[in-house]
Each structure stands twice: as C-alpha cells, then as structure tokens.
Amino acid sequence: MVAVGVSGGIGIVNLNIVLDIVLGALAAMILNASSNVINQIFDLEIDRINKPKRPLPSGRLTIKQSVVFMTFLYIIAFALAYLVNIQYFVIVLITALITYAYSGYPFRTKRFGILANITMAIPRGGLLVVAGWSAVRSIFELEPWLIALVFFLYILGASTTKDFSDIEGDRKGGCRTLPIILGIKGAVIAITPSFVIPFILLIIFRVAGLLSGNLIILTALGVVLSLWGLYIAYLLLRKPDELCLEANHPSWRHMYLLMLTAQAGFAFAYLI
C-alpha cells in the first residue's frame, strides 16, 4: 500500500503527502491485525485442531480479552484512516466489512470455496492498492483499479495455499475450501494461473498506455514476475502433497518475495 501511495503521489510529494502515506500505512497494518483477531475468534474450534498453539486455543487469551483488543485496534485504525482523507476512510471501512464477512456470521464466506478466495483477495489485493492510491490522489480514475486488478488476481490464487495444511480442521468446521472441494492436486492446478496471468496483464496494461509508470521498468517487471510465477507454479505442482505439512512449503517464501518485489517495482517505476 505504501508503494502504491508513493507511486500515486509522484510530482506532488511534500510533507503532508508523506504524513498521509505514513498514517495510511499504520491504519492498514492495524486493520490487518484486527482482521486476524476476528478470524481467530470465529475459528477457535478449527484452530483447536489446526493451530492449537495460537493464543486463543492454547488458553493464553480469552475471547473477552480478544474482543476488547480487536475493538481497540478497529478504533485506532478508523481514526488514523479518517486523518488521511474521507475516501481513504471509506475504503478502510469497506475493507473492514469484507474481512469480517470472510470469518464472521452470518456471512462466513470462508465456508464457500472460491467465494472465500474472493473475499480474501478484494481487501488484501485490490482494495489495499486503491487505499494506498487514495492517500495521495483520487480513486476516480482507471489506473489504480488496473493495478489493483493485478494484485487481486495474484492473491486470488495465492490465498488458497494456506488452506492445504488446514484441511482437517476446516472439514470438521464446515469450511469447504478449494483443497477440500477439488482435492490437493486439483486445487493446485486451479490456482496456478494466478501466478502468471496477473503479470502478463501488467505488461499489456503498460504497453497499451493504461498505466503511466516507466514503460521499460513496468514491462521488465511484468516479464520477471511472470517467469517467477511460473517457477512458483512448478514448485507447487512438483510436490503438492507437501502443502499439507505444517512446515513451510518451498513456494511460500517465493510468494511473499514476489509480492514484495511487485510492490517495490511499482513504486520505482512511478518514481523514475
């Protein structure tokens, strides 16, 4: 989000812009923490099976303590977002509602296969980018939404990888994730396009003149990320059963690094 915020502010950077970006980044981090608390509250019984060492299932925290902490985090996140500007505040509010819908009743979209992926990818991929842009520029233009689409499609597939090691608890908790619906290999095959297609679109968007960042950098970034995504897909397809283990799958480190590289690459392309 900070990367896109810096990118959107090119040409108008001043102390106020920097302050908005910092406040926006803090709000996003705190909002993410609050959504994690919500998820752990509603997933308590599932986590007793999948992640018994977490604070709630291990008994180190009570539900009441977690709710108080979550409320405090929401208040701080909303206050910081309001200090940025009204459009940023609205996006943060929408993001909070969607992240609640992912875990909380009566929605609890994580029970419904691809809908779980969508409600994960909208706030963490799409809206995260638009929020960063809104900290310094208007969101009523096409460019931030095209960048958001790239990250949305990536997270749409990447978010499934965390579900493989949670199959036992998710099945008992009534959450029909893609690995449960399609099987391990079927789910891996279904998500592999998300590691390549978004970055091909990045190249297309820039060559078509729909993005204003540096042509050479964005095109090169798209090529590198596409090839990197192919390698991640290879790692996933080579040993899909290892995704079900507690230990980190070799592909996970590459997914996080790819995401960081993409964000840094966008910032650099718009600063040049």
C-alpha atoms as a PDB file:
ATOM      1  CA  MET A   1       0.000   0.000   0.000  1.00  0.00           C
ATOM      2  CA  VAL A   2       2.824   2.410   0.842  1.00  0.00           C
ATOM      3  CA  ALA A   3       4.461   1.569  -2.510  1.00  0.00           C
ATOM      4  CA  VAL A   4       1.331   2.467  -4.441  1.00  0.00           C
ATOM      5  CA  GLY A   5       0.765   5.535  -2.273  1.00  0.00           C
ATOM      6  CA  VAL A   6       4.235   6.800  -3.111  1.00  0.00           C
ATOM      7  CA  SER A   7       3.621   5.990  -6.785  1.00  0.00           C
ATOM      8  CA  GLY A   8       0.355   7.910  -6.852  1.00  0.00           C
ATOM      9  CA  GLY A   9       1.996  10.930  -5.255  1.00  0.00           C
ATOM     10  CA  ILE A  10       4.694  11.366  -7.877  1.00  0.00           C
ATOM     11  CA  GLY A  11       5.112  15.013  -8.757  1.00  0.00           C
ATOM     12  CA  ILE A  12       3.267  16.308  -5.702  1.00  0.00           C
ATOM     13  CA  VAL A  13       5.347  14.882  -2.861  1.00  0.00           C
ATOM     14  CA  ASN A  14       5.546  17.145   0.189  1.00  0.00           C
ATOM     15  CA  LEU A  15       5.454  16.802   3.972  1.00  0.00           C
ATOM     16  CA  ASN A  16       1.659  16.450   4.072  1.00  0.00           C
ATOM     17  CA  ILE A  17       1.747  13.694   1.450  1.00  0.00           C
ATOM     18  CA  VAL A  18       4.436  11.822   3.380  1.00  0.00           C
ATOM     19  CA  LEU A  19       2.389  12.145   6.579  1.00  0.00           C
ATOM     20  CA  ASP A  20      -0.732  10.809   4.825  1.00  0.00           C
ATOM     21  CA  ILE A  21       1.215   7.825   3.495  1.00  0.00           C
ATOM     22  CA  VAL A  22       2.638   7.030   6.945  1.00  0.00           C
ATOM     23  CA  LEU A  23      -0.775   7.347   8.625  1.00  0.00           C
ATOM     24  CA  GLY A  24      -2.339   5.253   5.887  1.00  0.00           C
ATOM     25  CA  ALA A  25       0.285   2.544   6.264  1.00  0.00           C
ATOM     26  CA  LEU A  26      -0.239   2.405  10.030  1.00  0.00           C
ATOM     27  CA  ALA A  27      -4.013   2.222   9.581  1.00  0.00           C
ATOM     28  CA  ALA A  28      -3.641  -0.640   7.098  1.00  0.00           C
ATOM     29  CA  MET A  29      -1.323  -2.613   9.384  1.00  0.00           C
ATOM     30  CA  ILE A  30      -3.593  -2.161  12.402  1.00  0.00           C
ATOM     31  CA  LEU A  31      -6.669  -3.073  10.351  1.00  0.00           C
ATOM     32  CA  ASN A  32      -4.912  -6.239   9.202  1.00  0.00           C
ATOM     33  CA  ALA A  33      -4.146  -7.117  12.828  1.00  0.00           C
ATOM     34  CA  SER A  34      -7.785  -6.609  13.830  1.00  0.00           C
ATOM     35  CA  SER A  35      -8.991  -8.849  10.986  1.00  0.00           C
ATOM     36  CA  ASN A  36      -6.593 -11.557  12.175  1.00  0.00           C
ATOM     37  CA  VAL A  37      -8.093 -11.327  15.661  1.00  0.00           C
ATOM     38  CA  ILE A  38     -11.619 -11.670  14.230  1.00  0.00           C
ATOM     39  CA  ASN A  39     -10.558 -14.713  12.257  1.00  0.00           C
ATOM     40  CA  GLN A  40      -9.070 -16.371  15.327  1.00  0.00           C
ATOM     41  CA  ILE A  41     -12.199 -15.673  17.399  1.00  0.00           C
ATOM     42  CA  PHE A  42     -14.532 -17.289  14.870  1.00  0.00           C
ATOM     43  CA  ASP A  43     -12.058 -20.073  14.061  1.00  0.00           C
ATOM     44  CA  LEU A  44     -11.479 -21.084  17.669  1.00  0.00           C
ATOM     45  CA  GLU A  45     -12.792 -24.636  17.300  1.00  0.00           C
ATOM     46  CA  ILE A  46     -10.997 -25.119  13.986  1.00  0.00           C
ATOM     47  CA  ASP A  47      -7.750 -23.798  15.466  1.00  0.00           C
ATOM     48  CA  ARG A  48      -8.002 -26.285  18.332  1.00  0.00           C
ATOM     49  CA  ILE A  49      -7.260 -28.846  15.601  1.00  0.00           C
ATOM     50  CA  ASN A  50      -5.146 -26.930  13.077  1.00  0.00           C
ATOM     51  CA  LYS A  51      -3.234 -24.425  15.216  1.00  0.00           C
ATOM     52  CA  PRO A  52      -3.571 -25.368  18.913  1.00  0.00           C
ATOM     53  CA  LYS A  53      -0.599 -23.179  19.928  1.00  0.00           C
ATOM     54  CA  ARG A  54      -2.328 -19.930  18.986  1.00  0.00           C
ATOM     55  CA  PRO A  55      -3.247 -17.636  21.919  1.00  0.00           C
ATOM     56  CA  LEU A  56      -6.975 -18.475  21.987  1.00  0.00           C
ATOM     57  CA  PRO A  57      -6.966 -22.285  21.615  1.00  0.00           C
ATOM     58  CA  SER A  58      -3.955 -22.540  23.951  1.00  0.00           C
ATOM     59  CA  GLY A  59      -5.802 -20.567  26.636  1.00  0.00           C
ATOM     60  CA  ARG A  60      -3.302 -17.724  26.824  1.00  0.00           C
ATOM     61  CA  LEU A  61      -6.094 -15.316  25.822  1.00  0.00           C
ATOM     62  CA  THR A  62      -9.837 -15.422  26.458  1.00  0.00           C
ATOM     63  CA  ILE A  63     -12.487 -14.497  23.908  1.00  0.00           C
ATOM     64  CA  LYS A  64     -13.447 -11.469  26.001  1.00  0.00           C
ATOM     65  CA  GLN A  65      -9.856 -10.217  26.004  1.00  0.00           C
ATOM     66  CA  SER A  66      -9.642 -10.778  22.263  1.00  0.00           C
ATOM     67  CA  VAL A  67     -12.844  -8.815  21.596  1.00  0.00           C
ATOM     68  CA  VAL A  68     -11.584  -5.884  23.683  1.00  0.00           C
ATOM     69  CA  PHE A  69      -8.252  -5.927  21.851  1.00  0.00           C
ATOM     70  CA  MET A  70      -9.991  -6.184  18.467  1.00  0.00           C
ATOM     71  CA  THR A  71     -12.263  -3.223  19.280  1.00  0.00           C
ATOM     72  CA  PHE A  72      -9.285  -1.130  20.331  1.00  0.00           C
ATOM     73  CA  LEU A  73      -7.490  -1.941  17.077  1.00  0.00           C
ATOM     74  CA  TYR A  74     -10.534  -1.009  14.995  1.00  0.00           C
ATOM     75  CA  ILE A  75     -10.906   2.340  16.749  1.00  0.00           C
ATOM     76  CA  ILE A  76      -7.251   3.207  16.146  1.00  0.00           C
ATOM     77  CA  ALA A  77      -7.372   2.057  12.502  1.00  0.00           C
ATOM     78  CA  PHE A  78     -10.532   4.055  11.730  1.00  0.00           C
ATOM     79  CA  ALA A  79      -9.186   7.155  13.478  1.00  0.00           C
ATOM     80  CA  LEU A  80      -5.930   7.056  11.528  1.00  0.00           C
ATOM     81  CA  ALA A  81      -7.801   6.454   8.265  1.00  0.00           C
ATOM     82  CA  TYR A  82     -10.056   9.448   8.910  1.00  0.00           C
ATOM     83  CA  LEU A  83      -6.981  11.639   9.391  1.00  0.00           C
ATOM     84  CA  VAL A  84      -5.770  10.727   5.890  1.00  0.00           C
ATOM     85  CA  ASN A  85      -8.901  11.726   3.951  1.00  0.00           C
ATOM     86  CA  ILE A  86     -12.526  10.727   3.550  1.00  0.00           C
ATOM     87  CA  GLN A  87     -12.030   8.435   0.531  1.00  0.00           C
ATOM     88  CA  TYR A  88      -9.309   6.533   2.388  1.00  0.00           C
ATOM     89  CA  PHE A  89     -11.596   6.232   5.414  1.00  0.00           C
ATOM     90  CA  VAL A  90     -14.426   4.836   3.279  1.00  0.00           C
ATOM     91  CA  ILE A  91     -12.124   2.245   1.697  1.00  0.00           C
ATOM     92  CA  VAL A  92     -10.851   1.168   5.120  1.00  0.00           C
ATOM     93  CA  LEU A  93     -14.440   0.860   6.345  1.00  0.00           C
ATOM     94  CA  ILE A  94     -15.414  -1.290   3.343  1.00  0.00           C
ATOM     95  CA  THR A  95     -12.285  -3.388   3.845  1.00  0.00           C
ATOM     96  CA  ALA A  96     -13.207  -3.972   7.481  1.00  0.00           C
ATOM     97  CA  LEU A  97     -16.697  -5.136   6.491  1.00  0.00           C
ATOM     98  CA  ILE A  98     -15.347  -7.540   3.878  1.00  0.00           C
ATOM     99  CA  THR A  99     -12.740  -9.018   6.219  1.00  0.00           C
ATOM    100  CA  TYR A 100     -15.480  -9.543   8.801  1.00  0.00           C
ATOM    101  CA  ALA A 101     -17.644 -11.260   6.179  1.00  0.00           C
ATOM    102  CA  TYR A 102     -14.784 -13.684   5.494  1.00  0.00           C
ATOM    103  CA  SER A 103     -14.747 -15.004   9.072  1.00  0.00           C
ATOM    104  CA  GLY A 104     -17.887 -13.858  10.849  1.00  0.00           C
ATOM    105  CA  TYR A 105     -21.504 -14.952  10.855  1.00  0.00           C
ATOM    106  CA  PRO A 106     -23.982 -14.763   9.216  1.00  0.00           C
ATOM    107  CA  PHE A 107     -21.728 -14.458   6.156  1.00  0.00           C
ATOM    108  CA  ARG A 108     -18.593 -16.504   6.905  1.00  0.00           C
ATOM    109  CA  THR A 109     -17.652 -16.747   3.246  1.00  0.00           C
ATOM    110  CA  LYS A 110     -14.662 -18.935   4.049  1.00  0.00           C
ATOM    111  CA  ARG A 111     -17.177 -21.814   4.030  1.00  0.00           C
ATOM    112  CA  PHE A 112     -17.859 -21.424   0.326  1.00  0.00           C
ATOM    113  CA  GLY A 113     -14.848 -22.315  -1.814  1.00  0.00           C
ATOM    114  CA  ILE A 114     -13.920 -19.666  -4.370  1.00  0.00           C
ATOM    115  CA  LEU A 115     -16.050 -17.072  -2.547  1.00  0.00           C
ATOM    116  CA  ALA A 116     -13.550 -17.335   0.307  1.00  0.00           C
ATOM    117  CA  ASN A 117     -10.719 -16.541  -2.087  1.00  0.00           C
ATOM    118  CA  ILE A 118     -12.600 -13.560  -3.495  1.00  0.00           C
ATOM    119  CA  THR A 119     -13.330 -12.055  -0.084  1.00  0.00           C
ATOM    120  CA  MET A 120      -9.676 -12.541   0.819  1.00  0.00           C
ATOM    121  CA  ALA A 121      -8.319 -11.059  -2.426  1.00  0.00           C
ATOM    122  CA  ILE A 122     -10.584  -7.975  -2.552  1.00  0.00           C
ATOM    123  CA  PRO A 123      -9.259  -6.343   0.645  1.00  0.00           C
ATOM    124  CA  ARG A 124      -5.706  -7.749   0.688  1.00  0.00           C
ATOM    125  CA  GLY A 125      -5.066  -7.386  -3.031  1.00  0.00           C
ATOM    126  CA  GLY A 126      -7.447  -4.969  -4.704  1.00  0.00           C
ATOM    127  CA  LEU A 127      -8.557  -2.505  -2.040  1.00  0.00           C
ATOM    128  CA  LEU A 128      -5.112  -2.388  -0.442  1.00  0.00           C
ATOM    129  CA  VAL A 129      -3.755  -0.868  -3.652  1.00  0.00           C
ATOM    130  CA  VAL A 130      -6.656   1.538  -4.121  1.00  0.00           C
ATOM    131  CA  ALA A 131      -6.368   2.628  -0.488  1.00  0.00           C
ATOM    132  CA  GLY A 132      -2.698   3.461  -0.966  1.00  0.00           C
ATOM    133  CA  TRP A 133      -3.506   5.445  -4.098  1.00  0.00           C
ATOM    134  CA  SER A 134      -6.346   7.283  -2.324  1.00  0.00           C
ATOM    135  CA  ALA A 135      -3.940   8.604   0.292  1.00  0.00           C
ATOM    136  CA  VAL A 136      -2.493  10.994  -2.281  1.00  0.00           C
ATOM    137  CA  ARG A 137      -4.761  11.008  -5.350  1.00  0.00           C
ATOM    138  CA  SER A 138      -8.346  10.485  -6.409  1.00  0.00           C
ATOM    139  CA  ILE A 139      -9.550   6.918  -6.878  1.00  0.00           C
ATOM    140  CA  PHE A 140     -12.000   8.054  -9.578  1.00  0.00           C
ATOM    141  CA  GLU A 141      -9.629   7.188 -12.399  1.00  0.00           C
ATOM    142  CA  LEU A 142      -8.883   3.883 -14.106  1.00  0.00           C
ATOM    143  CA  GLU A 143      -5.190   3.471 -13.290  1.00  0.00           C
ATOM    144  CA  PRO A 144      -5.341   2.455  -9.598  1.00  0.00           C
ATOM    145  CA  TRP A 145      -8.060  -0.085 -10.339  1.00  0.00           C
ATOM    146  CA  LEU A 146      -5.957  -1.730 -13.068  1.00  0.00           C
ATOM    147  CA  ILE A 147      -3.026  -2.015 -10.664  1.00  0.00           C
ATOM    148  CA  ALA A 148      -5.450  -3.367  -8.055  1.00  0.00           C
ATOM    149  CA  LEU A 149      -6.659  -5.990 -10.542  1.00  0.00           C
ATOM    150  CA  VAL A 150      -3.101  -7.304 -10.925  1.00  0.00           C
ATOM    151  CA  PHE A 151      -2.696  -7.796  -7.173  1.00  0.00           C
ATOM    152  CA  PHE A 152      -6.265  -9.064  -6.741  1.00  0.00           C
ATOM    153  CA  LEU A 153      -5.733 -11.868  -9.255  1.00  0.00           C
ATOM    154  CA  TYR A 154      -2.440 -12.821  -7.632  1.00  0.00           C
ATOM    155  CA  ILE A 155      -3.910 -13.015  -4.113  1.00  0.00           C
ATOM    156  CA  LEU A 156      -6.965 -14.839  -5.502  1.00  0.00           C
ATOM    157  CA  GLY A 157      -4.781 -17.878  -6.118  1.00  0.00           C
ATOM    158  CA  ALA A 158      -2.039 -17.396  -3.546  1.00  0.00           C
ATOM    159  CA  SER A 159      -4.524 -17.191  -0.645  1.00  0.00           C
ATOM    160  CA  THR A 160      -5.503 -20.836  -1.199  1.00  0.00           C
ATOM    161  CA  THR A 161      -2.033 -22.106  -0.296  1.00  0.00           C
ATOM    162  CA  LYS A 162      -2.694 -21.515   3.392  1.00  0.00           C
ATOM    163  CA  ASP A 163      -5.734 -23.822   3.247  1.00  0.00           C
ATOM    164  CA  PHE A 164      -3.864 -27.018   2.428  1.00  0.00           C
ATOM    165  CA  SER A 165      -2.409 -27.519   5.914  1.00  0.00           C
ATOM    166  CA  ASP A 166      -5.809 -26.721   7.474  1.00  0.00           C
ATOM    167  CA  ILE A 167      -7.843 -29.377   5.662  1.00  0.00           C
ATOM    168  CA  GLU A 168      -8.642 -31.483   8.730  1.00  0.00           C
ATOM    169  CA  GLY A 169      -9.913 -28.637  10.884  1.00  0.00           C
ATOM    170  CA  ASP A 170     -11.662 -26.853   8.022  1.00  0.00           C
ATOM    171  CA  ARG A 171     -13.544 -30.010   7.067  1.00  0.00           C
ATOM    172  CA  LYS A 172     -14.756 -30.528  10.632  1.00  0.00           C
ATOM    173  CA  GLY A 173     -15.612 -26.840  10.909  1.00  0.00           C
ATOM    174  CA  GLY A 174     -17.749 -26.864   7.755  1.00  0.00           C
ATOM    175  CA  CYS A 175     -15.390 -24.745   5.645  1.00  0.00           C
ATOM    176  CA  ARG A 176     -15.347 -26.079   2.080  1.00  0.00           C
ATOM    177  CA  THR A 177     -12.074 -24.629   0.859  1.00  0.00           C
ATOM    178  CA  LEU A 178     -10.726 -25.361  -2.619  1.00  0.00           C
ATOM    179  CA  PRO A 179      -8.420 -28.192  -1.402  1.00  0.00           C
ATOM    180  CA  ILE A 180     -11.467 -29.878   0.155  1.00  0.00           C
ATOM    181  CA  ILE A 181     -13.677 -29.349  -2.904  1.00  0.00           C
ATOM    182  CA  LEU A 182     -11.129 -30.127  -5.636  1.00  0.00           C
ATOM    183  CA  GLY A 183      -8.596 -32.246  -3.798  1.00  0.00           C
ATOM    184  CA  ILE A 184      -4.972 -31.301  -3.282  1.00  0.00           C
ATOM    185  CA  LYS A 185      -3.761 -31.648  -6.867  1.00  0.00           C
ATOM    186  CA  GLY A 186      -6.958 -30.209  -8.341  1.00  0.00           C
ATOM    187  CA  ALA A 187      -6.719 -27.119  -6.151  1.00  0.00           C
ATOM    188  CA  VAL A 188      -3.063 -26.601  -7.079  1.00  0.00           C
ATOM    189  CA  ILE A 189      -3.905 -26.806 -10.791  1.00  0.00           C
ATOM    190  CA  ALA A 190      -6.806 -24.372 -10.303  1.00  0.00           C
ATOM    191  CA  ILE A 191      -4.679 -21.678  -8.647  1.00  0.00           C
ATOM    192  CA  THR A 192      -1.536 -21.823 -10.815  1.00  0.00           C
ATOM    193  CA  PRO A 193      -2.832 -19.313 -13.432  1.00  0.00           C
ATOM    194  CA  SER A 194      -2.902 -16.668 -10.671  1.00  0.00           C
ATOM    195  CA  PHE A 195       0.880 -16.749 -10.508  1.00  0.00           C
ATOM    196  CA  VAL A 196       1.329 -15.814 -14.176  1.00  0.00           C
ATOM    197  CA  ILE A 197      -1.756 -14.158 -15.714  1.00  0.00           C
ATOM    198  CA  PRO A 198      -1.739 -11.023 -13.481  1.00  0.00           C
ATOM    199  CA  PHE A 199       1.760 -10.115 -14.589  1.00  0.00           C
ATOM    200  CA  ILE A 200       1.030 -10.721 -18.255  1.00  0.00           C
ATOM    201  CA  LEU A 201      -1.850  -8.278 -17.787  1.00  0.00           C
ATOM    202  CA  LEU A 202       0.612  -5.820 -16.241  1.00  0.00           C
ATOM    203  CA  ILE A 203       2.656  -5.879 -19.453  1.00  0.00           C
ATOM    204  CA  ILE A 204      -0.482  -5.475 -21.580  1.00  0.00           C
ATOM    205  CA  PHE A 205      -1.773  -2.565 -19.471  1.00  0.00           C
ATOM    206  CA  ARG A 206       1.533  -0.688 -19.727  1.00  0.00           C
ATOM    207  CA  VAL A 207       2.116  -1.315 -23.436  1.00  0.00           C
ATOM    208  CA  ALA A 208      -1.463  -0.174 -24.115  1.00  0.00           C
ATOM    209  CA  GLY A 209      -0.741   3.088 -22.297  1.00  0.00           C
ATOM    210  CA  LEU A 210      -3.223   2.426 -19.497  1.00  0.00           C
ATOM    211  CA  LEU A 211      -0.531   2.808 -16.811  1.00  0.00           C
ATOM    212  CA  SER A 212       1.697   5.875 -16.536  1.00  0.00           C
ATOM    213  CA  GLY A 213       4.695   4.305 -14.805  1.00  0.00           C
ATOM    214  CA  ASN A 214       8.029   3.936 -16.589  1.00  0.00           C
ATOM    215  CA  LEU A 215       7.489   1.781 -19.686  1.00  0.00           C
ATOM    216  CA  ILE A 216      10.769  -0.144 -19.513  1.00  0.00           C
ATOM    217  CA  ILE A 217      10.600  -0.827 -15.776  1.00  0.00           C
ATOM    218  CA  LEU A 218       6.961  -1.938 -15.713  1.00  0.00           C
ATOM    219  CA  THR A 219       7.399  -4.132 -18.784  1.00  0.00           C
ATOM    220  CA  ALA A 220      10.555  -5.714 -17.367  1.00  0.00           C
ATOM    221  CA  LEU A 221       8.804  -6.140 -14.016  1.00  0.00           C
ATOM    222  CA  GLY A 222       5.936  -7.945 -15.715  1.00  0.00           C
ATOM    223  CA  VAL A 223       8.308 -10.302 -17.518  1.00  0.00           C
ATOM    224  CA  VAL A 224      10.328 -11.090 -14.377  1.00  0.00           C
ATOM    225  CA  LEU A 225       7.219 -11.652 -12.248  1.00  0.00           C
ATOM    226  CA  SER A 226       5.628 -13.865 -14.923  1.00  0.00           C
ATOM    227  CA  LEU A 227       8.719 -16.086 -15.058  1.00  0.00           C
ATOM    228  CA  TRP A 228       8.936 -16.103 -11.272  1.00  0.00           C
ATOM    229  CA  GLY A 229       5.273 -17.056 -11.098  1.00  0.00           C
ATOM    230  CA  LEU A 230       5.918 -19.942 -13.480  1.00  0.00           C
ATOM    231  CA  TYR A 231       8.646 -21.173 -11.151  1.00  0.00           C
ATOM    232  CA  ILE A 232       6.276 -20.957  -8.163  1.00  0.00           C
ATOM    233  CA  ALA A 233       3.689 -22.946 -10.127  1.00  0.00           C
ATOM    234  CA  TYR A 234       6.367 -25.550 -10.856  1.00  0.00           C
ATOM    235  CA  LEU A 235       7.230 -25.816  -7.141  1.00  0.00           C
ATOM    236  CA  LEU A 236       3.564 -26.283  -6.289  1.00  0.00           C
ATOM    237  CA  LEU A 237       2.904 -28.879  -8.972  1.00  0.00           C
ATOM    238  CA  ARG A 238       6.115 -30.788  -8.290  1.00  0.00           C
ATOM    239  CA  LYS A 239       5.204 -31.762  -4.706  1.00  0.00           C
ATOM    240  CA  PRO A 240       1.610 -30.667  -3.985  1.00  0.00           C
ATOM    241  CA  ASP A 241       1.193 -33.039  -1.027  1.00  0.00           C
ATOM    242  CA  GLU A 242       3.878 -31.139   0.899  1.00  0.00           C
ATOM    243  CA  LEU A 243       1.495 -28.161   1.083  1.00  0.00           C
ATOM    244  CA  CYS A 244      -0.431 -30.126   3.699  1.00  0.00           C
ATOM    245  CA  LEU A 245       2.514 -30.209   6.086  1.00  0.00           C
ATOM    246  CA  GLU A 246       2.982 -27.748   8.965  1.00  0.00           C
ATOM    247  CA  ALA A 247       6.468 -26.846   7.738  1.00  0.00           C
ATOM    248  CA  ASN A 248       6.699 -24.086   5.151  1.00  0.00           C
ATOM    249  CA  HIS A 249       6.410 -25.266   1.571  1.00  0.00           C
ATOM    250  CA  PRO A 250       9.339 -24.092  -0.629  1.00  0.00           C
ATOM    251  CA  SER A 251       6.933 -21.998  -2.720  1.00  0.00           C
ATOM    252  CA  TRP A 252       5.685 -19.852   0.188  1.00  0.00           C
ATOM    253  CA  ARG A 253       8.890 -17.864   0.579  1.00  0.00           C
ATOM    254  CA  HIS A 254       8.841 -17.134  -3.164  1.00  0.00           C
ATOM    255  CA  MET A 255       5.208 -15.959  -2.992  1.00  0.00           C
ATOM    256  CA  TYR A 256       5.974 -13.420  -0.272  1.00  0.00           C
ATOM    257  CA  LEU A 257       9.143 -12.236  -2.007  1.00  0.00           C
ATOM    258  CA  LEU A 258       7.299 -11.928  -5.323  1.00  0.00           C
ATOM    259  CA  MET A 259       4.638  -9.757  -3.678  1.00  0.00           C
ATOM    260  CA  LEU A 260       7.263  -7.501  -2.098  1.00  0.00           C
ATOM    261  CA  THR A 261       9.151  -7.265  -5.387  1.00  0.00           C
ATOM    262  CA  ALA A 262       5.972  -6.333  -7.249  1.00  0.00           C
ATOM    263  CA  GLN A 263       5.163  -3.551  -4.784  1.00  0.00           C
ATOM    264  CA  ALA A 264       8.710  -2.195  -4.803  1.00  0.00           C
ATOM    265  CA  GLY A 265       8.819  -2.429  -8.592  1.00  0.00           C
ATOM    266  CA  PHE A 266       5.648  -0.386  -8.974  1.00  0.00           C
ATOM    267  CA  ALA A 267       6.965   2.297  -6.618  1.00  0.00           C
ATOM    268  CA  PHE A 268      10.261   2.509  -8.527  1.00  0.00           C
ATOM    269  CA  ALA A 269       8.509   2.619 -11.903  1.00  0.00           C
ATOM    270  CA  TYR A 270       6.412   5.591 -10.854  1.00  0.00           C
ATOM    271  CA  LEU A 271       9.264   7.452  -9.189  1.00  0.00           C
ATOM    272  CA  ILE A 272      11.536   7.302 -12.247  1.00  0.00           C
END
